[in-house]
Amino acid sequence: MSIWLNHDSKVIVQGLTGAEGTKHATKMLAAGTNIVGGVDARKAGTSVSIGGRELGVFGSVEEAMKET
């Protein structure tokens, strides 16, 4: 299976506000990944600061895709 990403790709992290999501998002941002937000149904409408970036939290992947 191939994954097609480039510098223009937008990435949404499911479970962004949890320990594992935050850990991996931090590493991905440090590597230059263009994270545009995350998904956590219980924390939708909030935002988190990771790696010096403020990332929106959405209730579903569909909502995150529409908003970003």
Protein backbone atom coordinates (compact mmCIF):
# COMPACT_ATOMS: atom_id res chain seq x y z
CA MET A 1 0.00 0.00 0.00
CA SER A 2 1.31 3.45 -0.90
CA ILE A 3 0.75 6.61 1.09
CA TRP A 4 0.86 9.80 -0.94
CA LEU A 5 1.90 12.80 1.14
CA ASN A 6 3.81 15.92 0.25
CA HIS A 7 4.54 19.30 1.85
CA ASP A 8 1.02 20.51 0.95
CA SER A 9 -0.77 17.56 2.61
CA LYS A 10 -2.99 18.36 5.59
CA VAL A 11 -3.01 15.92 8.50
CA ILE A 12 -5.76 15.40 11.10
CA VAL A 13 -4.84 13.47 14.24
CA GLN A 14 -7.54 11.26 15.76
CA GLY A 15 -7.34 11.29 19.55
CA LEU A 16 -5.22 14.45 19.51
CA THR A 17 -5.96 15.40 23.11
CA GLY A 18 -4.99 12.02 24.58
CA ALA A 19 -1.50 11.11 25.76
CA GLU A 20 -0.58 9.07 22.68
CA GLY A 21 -2.11 11.54 20.23
CA THR A 22 -0.27 14.44 21.84
CA LYS A 23 3.02 12.52 21.92
CA HIS A 24 2.86 11.59 18.26
CA ALA A 25 1.56 14.99 17.13
CA THR A 26 4.51 16.64 18.90
CA LYS A 27 6.95 14.41 17.04
CA MET A 28 5.15 14.91 13.73
CA LEU A 29 5.18 18.71 14.10
CA ALA A 30 8.89 18.64 14.94
CA ALA A 31 9.44 16.69 11.71
CA GLY A 32 7.55 19.30 9.69
CA THR A 33 4.19 17.59 9.25
CA ASN A 34 1.35 19.99 8.43
CA ILE A 35 -1.09 19.07 11.21
CA VAL A 36 -4.24 21.19 10.84
CA GLY A 37 -6.29 19.84 13.75
CA GLY A 38 -7.46 16.82 15.62
CA VAL A 39 -10.51 14.79 16.53
CA ASP A 40 -11.91 14.08 19.99
CA ALA A 41 -15.70 13.96 20.20
CA ARG A 42 -15.73 14.82 23.92
CA LYS A 43 -13.54 17.91 23.48
CA ALA A 44 -14.95 19.23 20.20
CA GLY A 45 -14.87 23.01 19.90
CA THR A 46 -11.75 23.43 22.00
CA SER A 47 -8.14 23.81 20.95
CA VAL A 48 -4.79 22.53 22.18
CA SER A 49 -1.33 24.02 21.99
CA ILE A 50 1.27 21.53 20.78
CA GLY A 51 4.76 22.41 19.61
CA GLY A 52 3.95 26.11 19.66
CA ARG A 53 0.91 25.69 17.40
CA GLU A 54 -2.72 26.12 18.35
CA LEU A 55 -4.70 23.22 16.88
CA GLY A 56 -8.48 23.01 16.72
CA VAL A 57 -10.29 19.97 18.07
CA PHE A 58 -13.29 18.67 16.13
CA GLY A 59 -16.05 16.19 16.87
CA SER A 60 -15.56 14.06 13.76
CA VAL A 61 -13.17 13.60 10.86
CA GLU A 62 -15.89 14.87 8.53
CA GLU A 63 -16.18 18.11 10.53
CA ALA A 64 -12.40 18.52 10.67
CA MET A 65 -12.12 18.06 6.91
CA LYS A 66 -14.83 20.66 6.24
CA GLU A 67 -13.29 23.22 8.61
CA THR A 68 -9.69 22.82 7.60
